[in-house]
Amino acid sequence: MSTWYERGVFYHMYPLGMTGAPKHNDNTETVNRFDELNRWIPHIRSLGCSCLYIGPLFESSSHGYDTRDYRTVDRRLGDNAAFKEFVSLCHEQGIRVVVDGVFNHTGREFFAFKDIQEKRWDSPYKDWYRDVNFGCASPMGDSFSYQAWQGHFELPCLNLKNPQVKDYLFDVIRFWIQEFAIDGIRLDCANVLDFDFMRDLRRETAAMKEDFWLMGEVIHGDYGRWVNDEMLHSVTNYELHKSIYSGFNDHNFFEIAHNVRRLEAIGRRLYTFVDNHDEDRIASKLLKKEHLAPVYMCLMTLPGIPSIYYGGEWAIEGRRTRTSDDALRPAISLEDGEKFCSPLTDLIARLGKIHGENEALHGGLYKELLLTNRQYAYARLGDGTAIITALNNDDAPADLSIPVPIAADEAKNLLEDGPSIPITNGKIQLTIKGNWGAVLTVSSLPNH
């Protein structure tokens, strides 16, 4: 039996943006915006999503990744009790909750950093940060220097080799599990986290909660270095993200297929997406808006754990600028969004339901069936079943002859209500209209 996260379809929320919270936390008033977020839960479930990634949530100074307090929900969103209720409501709807874990760095207002500012050598926390040097000043005017994430000195890097720091962070996670009953953590900047820290993290969290999920933000590199039985369960599949939008834009399905084959060993465990809080919206990246539908068919049926970024179901557009990510993280109410409801919204909901109901899409093996620049068909193989996806990125209809990988006599198109499609001589003859696709279910004949 597959785990909850292997079966999952995620919905991704960036709560500070979507609720229109102030850009800066003035450390005074607590405003409960979870009342608004609570109202999204039925909508998330209606899309077939069974998991939620929400974050950042820790009390912070600005964008959410400059943590002030690891045990407090950001006061711009509400208090701990409000988030506890939010998680409970999600669980009542069968939605697991995963939060951001920002453990590579803190903000400058975190208690340990402030203690070093005050006491310098005499601070018991002077070894909590990397490369602290009292012989020179920082660009921020501190009487010491330190290592910062990518040169952003408002984000000093924690020393994850320090046992005290590790114990502190493990206690933080234990607190979030016990207090809020969260189901997993998405590790920010996992690509630069200490490997021994992640190994210890896997062991510690497995003892805290048996099916606790660890997913890391990794952009480049051999994903297998992070995704294994000793470290993380999953990482972000940026390679597939890139190949999907460029494969459609360039009319080059070979790029997508090559990527899937290359990642075959761990592809089913990776977290897949077409946009997120750091990437331009897929509706802005695609050269043809008509490609949105087959893009989501691709996302929801290829190997991996698919995620829908809030507003994606309404084809919201947005591009980052050199100085701001705000357009990727817009304030939007549920009512505003539902004004954009379209056939794409209904399609994503149907795909979410298909994903949830078909075990072959959770951990099923991938098999390529047909591949040209503009047409692509593949199967996900289950126990006596196969889900076959056929895609057409051309404007014109395409007549396809698709080999079926199991012995069967008919197929059913799960995206359309209609008669079964006969299988003749081991093949399905199918016409797919321009910029569209089909998701077929096939069951093997008895004794095969």
Protein backbone atom coordinates (compact mmCIF):
# COMPACT_ATOMS: atom_id res chain seq x y z
CA MET A 1 0.00 0.00 0.00
CA SER A 2 1.40 3.39 -0.97
CA THR A 3 1.94 6.12 1.64
CA TRP A 4 -0.20 9.24 1.92
CA TYR A 5 2.43 11.34 0.18
CA GLU A 6 2.93 8.87 -2.67
CA ARG A 7 -0.83 9.03 -3.29
CA GLY A 8 -0.96 12.76 -2.79
CA VAL A 9 -1.84 15.69 -4.98
CA PHE A 10 -0.57 18.86 -3.30
CA TYR A 11 -1.98 22.35 -3.16
CA HIS A 12 0.67 25.01 -2.48
CA MET A 13 -0.13 28.18 -0.53
CA TYR A 14 2.13 31.18 0.09
CA PRO A 15 -0.03 32.62 2.89
CA LEU A 16 1.67 36.00 3.44
CA GLY A 17 1.09 36.83 -0.22
CA MET A 18 -2.33 35.35 -0.82
CA THR A 19 -3.84 37.06 2.25
CA GLY A 20 -2.31 40.44 1.43
CA ALA A 21 -0.39 40.57 4.71
CA PRO A 22 1.92 43.57 5.30
CA LYS A 23 5.39 43.27 3.75
CA HIS A 24 7.06 44.08 7.05
CA ASN A 25 6.29 42.65 10.47
CA ASP A 26 6.27 45.60 12.87
CA ASN A 27 6.19 43.23 15.86
CA THR A 28 3.04 44.73 17.35
CA GLU A 29 -0.43 43.65 16.28
CA THR A 30 -1.51 40.04 15.66
CA VAL A 31 -4.06 39.83 12.82
CA ASN A 32 -5.90 36.55 12.28
CA ARG A 33 -5.94 35.82 8.56
CA PHE A 34 -6.52 32.10 9.06
CA ASP A 35 -10.26 32.77 9.05
CA GLU A 36 -9.78 33.60 5.38
CA LEU A 37 -7.46 30.66 4.73
CA ASN A 38 -9.91 28.25 6.39
CA ARG A 39 -12.42 29.03 3.67
CA TRP A 40 -10.02 27.69 1.02
CA ILE A 41 -10.05 24.17 2.45
CA PRO A 42 -13.23 22.92 0.67
CA HIS A 43 -11.95 24.46 -2.58
CA ILE A 44 -8.63 22.60 -2.20
CA ARG A 45 -10.50 19.35 -1.66
CA SER A 46 -12.74 20.04 -4.68
CA LEU A 47 -9.63 20.04 -6.89
CA GLY A 48 -8.82 16.49 -5.78
CA CYS A 49 -5.92 17.67 -3.62
CA SER A 50 -5.22 15.55 -0.56
CA CYS A 51 -2.16 17.42 0.74
CA LEU A 52 -1.27 21.04 1.42
CA TYR A 53 2.14 22.68 1.44
CA ILE A 54 1.79 26.01 3.25
CA GLY A 55 4.59 28.37 4.13
CA PRO A 56 6.52 30.15 5.31
CA LEU A 57 4.80 30.31 8.70
CA PHE A 58 7.46 30.98 11.34
CA GLU A 59 7.42 34.45 12.90
CA SER A 60 9.61 36.55 10.62
CA SER A 61 10.51 40.12 9.77
CA SER A 62 9.59 40.38 6.08
CA HIS A 63 9.19 37.71 3.37
CA GLY A 64 8.88 34.81 5.81
CA TYR A 65 12.32 33.25 5.41
CA ASP A 66 14.08 35.59 7.88
CA THR A 67 12.90 33.77 11.02
CA ARG A 68 12.51 35.56 14.34
CA ASP A 69 10.86 32.79 16.34
CA TYR A 70 10.59 29.13 15.34
CA ARG A 71 7.83 28.35 17.84
CA THR A 72 5.43 31.12 16.91
CA VAL A 73 3.20 31.53 13.86
CA ASP A 74 3.83 34.82 12.06
CA ARG A 75 1.59 37.38 13.75
CA ARG A 76 0.64 38.80 10.33
CA LEU A 77 -1.23 35.53 9.76
CA GLY A 78 -2.55 34.86 13.24
CA ASP A 79 -1.55 33.08 16.41
CA ASN A 80 -0.67 29.48 17.20
CA ALA A 81 -4.23 28.61 18.17
CA ALA A 82 -5.54 29.82 14.80
CA PHE A 83 -3.05 27.69 12.89
CA LYS A 84 -3.83 24.69 15.09
CA GLU A 85 -7.50 25.04 14.13
CA PHE A 86 -6.53 25.39 10.46
CA VAL A 87 -4.59 22.09 10.53
CA SER A 88 -7.47 20.40 12.32
CA LEU A 89 -9.94 21.57 9.67
CA CYS A 90 -7.61 20.31 6.93
CA HIS A 91 -7.35 16.91 8.60
CA GLU A 92 -11.14 16.73 8.91
CA GLN A 93 -11.28 17.11 5.10
CA GLY A 94 -8.63 14.42 4.59
CA ILE A 95 -5.88 16.93 3.75
CA ARG A 96 -2.36 16.40 5.13
CA VAL A 97 -0.38 19.53 6.02
CA VAL A 98 3.28 20.18 5.23
CA VAL A 99 5.00 23.40 6.35
CA ASP A 100 8.21 25.23 5.48
CA GLY A 101 11.28 24.43 7.58
CA VAL A 102 13.72 27.33 7.28
CA PHE A 103 16.77 25.79 8.92
CA ASN A 104 19.68 26.97 6.79
CA HIS A 105 19.52 30.51 8.16
CA THR A 106 17.64 32.81 10.51
CA GLY A 107 16.78 36.47 10.46
CA ARG A 108 18.89 39.00 12.29
CA GLU A 109 16.17 39.38 14.94
CA PHE A 110 16.45 35.75 16.05
CA PHE A 111 17.37 35.57 19.74
CA ALA A 112 20.73 33.81 19.22
CA PHE A 113 21.96 36.35 16.69
CA LYS A 114 20.86 39.27 18.85
CA ASP A 115 22.74 37.74 21.78
CA ILE A 116 25.96 37.66 19.73
CA GLN A 117 25.42 41.30 18.77
CA GLU A 118 25.14 42.20 22.43
CA LYS A 119 27.76 39.96 24.08
CA ARG A 120 30.19 39.14 21.26
CA TRP A 121 32.78 36.65 22.58
CA ASP A 122 30.80 36.11 25.77
CA SER A 123 27.66 34.94 23.96
CA PRO A 124 26.90 31.23 24.48
CA TYR A 125 25.50 31.30 20.91
CA LYS A 126 28.66 32.52 19.14
CA ASP A 127 29.11 29.06 17.59
CA TRP A 128 25.50 28.82 16.42
CA TYR A 129 26.37 30.59 13.17
CA ARG A 130 28.89 29.81 10.48
CA ASP A 131 32.25 31.55 10.23
CA VAL A 132 31.65 34.10 12.97
CA ASN A 133 34.73 36.33 13.07
CA PHE A 134 35.13 39.08 15.66
CA GLY A 135 38.14 40.46 13.81
CA CYS A 136 36.12 42.30 11.18
CA ALA A 137 32.73 43.93 10.68
CA SER A 138 29.78 42.77 8.60
CA PRO A 139 28.26 44.81 5.73
CA MET A 140 25.27 45.36 8.04
CA GLY A 141 27.41 47.25 10.59
CA ASP A 142 27.86 44.43 13.11
CA SER A 143 31.14 44.26 15.04
CA PHE A 144 31.71 40.78 13.63
CA SER A 145 31.35 39.02 10.29
CA TYR A 146 29.50 35.81 9.46
CA GLN A 147 28.47 33.65 6.54
CA ALA A 148 25.18 34.67 4.92
CA TRP A 149 22.94 32.86 2.47
CA GLN A 150 24.01 33.83 -1.05
CA GLY A 151 25.51 37.06 0.29
CA HIS A 152 22.20 38.29 1.77
CA PHE A 153 23.46 39.45 5.16
CA GLU A 154 19.96 39.77 6.56
CA LEU A 155 20.00 35.92 6.47
CA PRO A 156 22.91 34.65 8.63
CA CYS A 157 23.64 30.94 8.14
CA LEU A 158 23.20 28.56 11.05
CA ASN A 159 26.02 26.15 11.91
CA LEU A 160 24.22 22.85 11.41
CA LYS A 161 27.31 20.91 12.52
CA ASN A 162 26.87 22.31 16.03
CA PRO A 163 25.06 19.68 18.19
CA GLN A 164 23.31 22.44 20.16
CA VAL A 165 21.85 23.91 16.98
CA LYS A 166 20.70 20.50 15.75
CA ASP A 167 19.08 19.67 19.09
CA TYR A 168 17.34 23.04 19.10
CA LEU A 169 15.92 22.55 15.58
CA PHE A 170 14.84 18.96 16.31
CA ASP A 171 13.00 20.25 19.38
CA VAL A 172 11.33 22.86 17.14
CA ILE A 173 10.07 20.13 14.80
CA ARG A 174 8.89 18.05 17.75
CA PHE A 175 6.97 21.10 18.96
CA TRP A 176 5.27 21.58 15.57
CA ILE A 177 4.30 17.90 15.44
CA GLN A 178 2.98 17.81 18.99
CA GLU A 179 1.35 21.24 19.00
CA PHE A 180 -0.09 21.38 15.48
CA ALA A 181 -0.03 17.74 14.25
CA ILE A 182 1.76 18.67 11.01
CA ASP A 183 2.50 15.82 8.62
CA GLY A 184 5.75 16.89 7.02
CA ILE A 185 8.29 19.62 6.35
CA ARG A 186 9.56 21.19 3.15
CA LEU A 187 13.20 22.04 3.79
CA ASP A 188 14.10 25.45 2.44
CA CYS A 189 17.51 25.59 0.70
CA ALA A 190 18.02 21.84 1.06
CA ASN A 191 20.67 22.00 -1.66
CA VAL A 192 23.05 23.72 0.80
CA LEU A 193 22.04 21.97 4.04
CA ASP A 194 24.61 19.81 5.78
CA PHE A 195 24.16 16.16 4.76
CA ASP A 196 24.79 14.84 8.26
CA PHE A 197 22.11 17.19 9.56
CA MET A 198 19.61 15.77 7.05
CA ARG A 199 20.52 12.19 8.00
CA ASP A 200 19.98 12.97 11.66
CA LEU A 201 16.77 14.80 10.76
CA ARG A 202 15.39 11.72 8.98
CA ARG A 203 16.16 9.50 11.95
CA GLU A 204 14.76 11.95 14.52
CA THR A 205 11.52 12.74 12.69
CA ALA A 206 10.83 9.06 11.95
CA ALA A 207 10.85 8.51 15.71
CA MET A 208 8.56 11.49 16.28
CA LYS A 209 5.92 10.49 13.70
CA GLU A 210 6.07 7.30 11.69
CA ASP A 211 4.87 8.62 8.32
CA PHE A 212 6.40 12.11 8.61
CA TRP A 213 7.48 13.40 5.17
CA LEU A 214 10.68 15.31 4.41
CA MET A 215 10.84 17.16 1.09
CA GLY A 216 13.74 19.41 0.15
CA GLU A 217 14.11 22.42 -2.11
CA VAL A 218 16.81 21.36 -4.59
CA ILE A 219 17.19 23.01 -7.98
CA HIS A 220 20.34 21.54 -9.56
CA GLY A 221 22.32 18.38 -8.99
CA ASP A 222 21.87 14.64 -8.77
CA TYR A 223 18.58 14.35 -6.91
CA GLY A 224 19.57 10.88 -5.69
CA ARG A 225 22.16 12.47 -3.40
CA TRP A 226 19.27 13.83 -1.33
CA VAL A 227 16.47 11.34 -2.00
CA ASN A 228 17.34 8.03 -0.41
CA ASP A 229 16.47 5.88 2.59
CA GLU A 230 18.89 7.76 4.85
CA MET A 231 17.98 11.36 4.06
CA LEU A 232 14.95 12.91 2.40
CA HIS A 233 11.83 11.28 0.98
CA SER A 234 11.59 13.76 -1.90
CA VAL A 235 12.97 16.94 -3.47
CA THR A 236 11.57 19.52 -5.87
CA ASN A 237 11.85 18.32 -9.47
CA TYR A 238 13.04 21.52 -11.14
CA GLU A 239 14.41 19.51 -14.06
CA LEU A 240 10.96 18.26 -15.00
CA HIS A 241 9.50 21.73 -14.42
CA LYS A 242 11.88 23.20 -16.96
CA SER A 243 11.43 20.42 -19.51
CA ILE A 244 7.62 20.65 -19.37
CA TYR A 245 7.28 24.33 -20.23
CA SER A 246 10.12 24.39 -22.75
CA GLY A 247 8.97 21.07 -24.26
CA PHE A 248 5.61 22.64 -25.02
CA ASN A 249 6.98 26.02 -26.06
CA ASP A 250 9.49 24.46 -28.46
CA HIS A 251 7.15 21.71 -29.68
CA ASN A 252 9.74 19.25 -28.42
CA PHE A 253 8.25 16.37 -26.43
CA PHE A 254 11.66 14.67 -26.68
CA GLU A 255 12.93 17.01 -23.96
CA ILE A 256 10.22 15.91 -21.51
CA ALA A 257 10.62 12.21 -22.35
CA HIS A 258 14.41 12.40 -22.02
CA ASN A 259 14.08 14.00 -18.60
CA VAL A 260 11.62 11.38 -17.37
CA ARG A 261 13.87 8.55 -18.55
CA ARG A 262 16.93 10.15 -16.95
CA LEU A 263 15.19 10.41 -13.58
CA GLU A 264 13.49 7.02 -13.83
CA ALA A 265 15.18 5.55 -10.74
CA ILE A 266 13.74 8.17 -8.35
CA GLY A 267 11.24 10.10 -10.48
CA ARG A 268 8.19 8.65 -8.77
CA ARG A 269 9.36 10.08 -5.43
CA LEU A 270 9.99 13.64 -6.60
CA TYR A 271 7.74 16.65 -5.97
CA THR A 272 6.56 17.90 -9.36
CA PHE A 273 5.12 21.31 -10.27
CA VAL A 274 4.66 23.74 -13.14
CA ASP A 275 4.94 26.92 -11.04
CA ASN A 276 5.61 27.94 -7.44
CA HIS A 277 6.34 31.00 -5.29
CA ASP A 278 9.81 31.44 -6.84
CA GLU A 279 9.02 30.75 -10.51
CA ASP A 280 7.06 32.74 -13.10
CA ARG A 281 3.49 31.52 -13.43
CA ILE A 282 3.10 28.76 -16.02
CA ALA A 283 0.33 30.83 -17.66
CA SER A 284 2.98 33.50 -18.30
CA LYS A 285 5.75 31.10 -19.34
CA LEU A 286 3.77 29.29 -22.02
CA LEU A 287 3.80 30.85 -25.47
CA LYS A 288 0.36 29.37 -26.14
CA LYS A 289 -2.33 29.54 -23.47
CA GLU A 290 -3.96 26.58 -25.26
CA HIS A 291 -1.11 24.44 -23.91
CA LEU A 292 -2.24 24.87 -20.31
CA ALA A 293 -4.63 21.92 -20.50
CA PRO A 294 -2.16 19.33 -21.83
CA VAL A 295 0.53 20.73 -19.49
CA TYR A 296 -1.63 19.86 -16.48
CA MET A 297 -2.44 16.44 -17.97
CA CYS A 298 1.30 15.91 -18.21
CA LEU A 299 1.93 17.09 -14.64
CA MET A 300 -0.78 14.91 -13.12
CA THR A 301 0.12 11.66 -14.88
CA LEU A 302 3.92 11.63 -15.20
CA PRO A 303 5.97 10.02 -12.40
CA GLY A 304 6.11 12.20 -9.31
CA ILE A 305 3.96 13.82 -6.63
CA PRO A 306 2.09 16.67 -8.37
CA SER A 307 1.45 20.11 -6.90
CA ILE A 308 -0.93 22.94 -7.89
CA TYR A 309 0.23 26.43 -6.89
CA TYR A 310 -2.60 28.65 -5.66
CA GLY A 311 -4.26 30.45 -8.55
CA GLY A 312 -2.85 28.01 -11.08
CA GLU A 313 -6.28 26.42 -11.33
CA TRP A 314 -7.53 29.78 -12.62
CA ALA A 315 -4.62 30.33 -15.04
CA ILE A 316 -3.42 33.39 -13.13
CA GLU A 317 -0.40 35.09 -14.72
CA GLY A 318 2.63 36.62 -13.06
CA ARG A 319 6.33 37.27 -13.67
CA ARG A 320 9.05 38.14 -11.21
CA THR A 321 11.13 41.26 -11.69
CA ARG A 322 14.78 41.84 -10.88
CA THR A 323 13.78 43.28 -7.51
CA SER A 324 10.48 41.63 -6.57
CA ASP A 325 8.63 38.30 -6.43
CA ASP A 326 5.33 39.98 -5.53
CA ALA A 327 3.68 39.18 -8.88
CA LEU A 328 4.22 35.47 -8.18
CA ARG A 329 2.59 35.72 -4.77
CA PRO A 330 -0.51 37.89 -5.31
CA ALA A 331 -3.22 38.65 -2.81
CA ILE A 332 -6.35 36.89 -3.95
CA SER A 333 -9.60 36.02 -2.22
CA LEU A 334 -11.50 32.84 -2.92
CA GLU A 335 -14.31 34.92 -4.45
CA ASP A 336 -11.88 36.81 -6.71
CA GLY A 337 -10.38 33.56 -7.90
CA GLU A 338 -13.66 31.88 -8.62
CA LYS A 339 -14.49 34.67 -11.07
CA PHE A 340 -11.72 33.19 -13.22
CA CYS A 341 -13.21 29.68 -13.11
CA SER A 342 -12.87 28.11 -16.53
CA PRO A 343 -12.75 24.73 -18.23
CA LEU A 344 -9.13 24.52 -16.96
CA THR A 345 -10.39 24.60 -13.36
CA ASP A 346 -12.77 21.73 -14.06
CA LEU A 347 -10.04 19.81 -15.89
CA ILE A 348 -7.61 20.11 -12.97
CA ALA A 349 -10.32 18.92 -10.59
CA ARG A 350 -11.01 15.92 -12.82
CA LEU A 351 -7.30 15.14 -13.09
CA GLY A 352 -6.97 15.37 -9.31
CA LYS A 353 -9.79 12.87 -8.89
CA ILE A 354 -8.22 10.57 -11.50
CA HIS A 355 -4.88 10.71 -9.72
CA GLY A 356 -6.43 9.91 -6.36
CA GLU A 357 -8.42 6.95 -7.66
CA ASN A 358 -5.72 5.20 -9.70
CA GLU A 359 -2.91 3.43 -7.88
CA ALA A 360 -0.90 3.20 -11.12
CA LEU A 361 -0.41 6.99 -10.94
CA HIS A 362 1.01 6.81 -7.41
CA GLY A 363 3.93 4.47 -7.80
CA GLY A 364 3.38 2.81 -11.15
CA LEU A 365 6.26 2.18 -13.51
CA TYR A 366 6.59 4.51 -16.48
CA LYS A 367 6.66 3.17 -20.03
CA GLU A 368 7.07 5.30 -23.13
CA LEU A 369 4.67 4.26 -25.92
CA LEU A 370 4.90 6.89 -28.66
CA LEU A 371 7.11 9.94 -29.14
CA THR A 372 7.40 12.65 -31.79
CA ASN A 373 8.09 16.38 -31.46
CA ARG A 374 4.39 17.14 -31.13
CA GLN A 375 2.77 13.91 -29.91
CA TYR A 376 3.64 11.88 -26.84
CA ALA A 377 2.05 8.83 -25.23
CA TYR A 378 3.15 6.92 -22.14
CA ALA A 379 1.76 4.48 -19.62
CA ARG A 380 1.88 4.15 -15.86
CA LEU A 381 1.64 0.47 -14.98
CA GLY A 382 -0.26 -0.82 -11.97
CA ASP A 383 -1.35 -4.27 -10.83
CA GLY A 384 -3.22 -5.56 -13.88
CA THR A 385 -4.00 -2.03 -15.04
CA ALA A 386 -2.42 0.75 -17.03
CA ILE A 387 -3.11 4.46 -17.24
CA ILE A 388 -2.18 5.71 -20.72
CA THR A 389 -1.73 9.43 -21.34
CA ALA A 390 -1.65 10.74 -24.92
CA LEU A 391 -0.77 14.38 -25.62
CA ASN A 392 -0.86 16.60 -28.69
CA ASN A 393 0.87 20.01 -28.62
CA ASP A 394 0.08 20.80 -32.27
CA ASP A 395 -2.77 23.12 -33.29
CA ALA A 396 -4.09 20.46 -35.69
CA PRO A 397 -5.75 17.17 -34.66
CA ALA A 398 -3.46 14.13 -34.56
CA ASP A 399 -4.33 10.54 -35.49
CA LEU A 400 -2.36 8.25 -33.19
CA SER A 401 -1.77 4.50 -33.14
CA ILE A 402 -0.71 3.77 -29.57
CA PRO A 403 0.66 0.36 -28.51
CA VAL A 404 -0.93 -0.95 -25.33
CA PRO A 405 1.57 -2.45 -22.85
CA ILE A 406 -0.80 -5.06 -21.38
CA ALA A 407 -3.17 -7.58 -22.94
CA ALA A 408 -6.57 -5.88 -23.10
CA ASP A 409 -9.49 -5.43 -25.47
CA GLU A 410 -10.75 -1.94 -24.63
CA ALA A 411 -9.82 1.37 -23.02
CA LYS A 412 -11.87 4.07 -21.32
CA ASN A 413 -11.10 7.79 -21.65
CA LEU A 414 -11.26 9.16 -18.10
CA LEU A 415 -11.49 12.77 -19.30
CA GLU A 416 -14.63 12.29 -21.38
CA ASP A 417 -17.95 10.53 -20.91
CA GLY A 418 -18.37 8.22 -23.85
CA PRO A 419 -18.13 4.66 -25.15
CA SER A 420 -15.08 2.49 -24.61
CA ILE A 421 -12.33 2.56 -27.21
CA PRO A 422 -11.52 -0.81 -28.80
CA ILE A 423 -7.99 -2.19 -28.73
CA THR A 424 -7.13 -3.98 -31.97
CA ASN A 425 -3.94 -5.95 -32.51
CA GLY A 426 -2.56 -4.51 -29.31
CA LYS A 427 -3.08 -0.88 -30.35
CA ILE A 428 -5.47 2.00 -29.70
CA GLN A 429 -6.42 4.17 -32.67
CA LEU A 430 -7.12 7.62 -31.34
CA THR A 431 -7.70 11.10 -32.74
CA ILE A 432 -6.71 13.90 -30.37
CA LYS A 433 -7.77 17.43 -31.15
CA GLY A 434 -5.22 20.23 -31.23
CA ASN A 435 -3.57 21.22 -27.92
CA TRP A 436 -5.34 18.50 -25.99
CA GLY A 437 -4.87 15.00 -24.67
CA ALA A 438 -6.46 11.86 -23.33
CA VAL A 439 -6.05 9.86 -20.13
CA LEU A 440 -7.10 6.27 -20.68
CA THR A 441 -7.55 3.41 -18.27
CA VAL A 442 -6.91 -0.15 -19.44
CA SER A 443 -7.43 -3.39 -17.50
CA SER A 444 -5.72 -6.62 -18.42
CA LEU A 445 -7.73 -9.56 -19.72
CA PRO A 446 -8.29 -12.54 -17.38
CA ASN A 447 -5.32 -14.93 -17.19
CA HIS A 448 -2.91 -12.26 -18.43
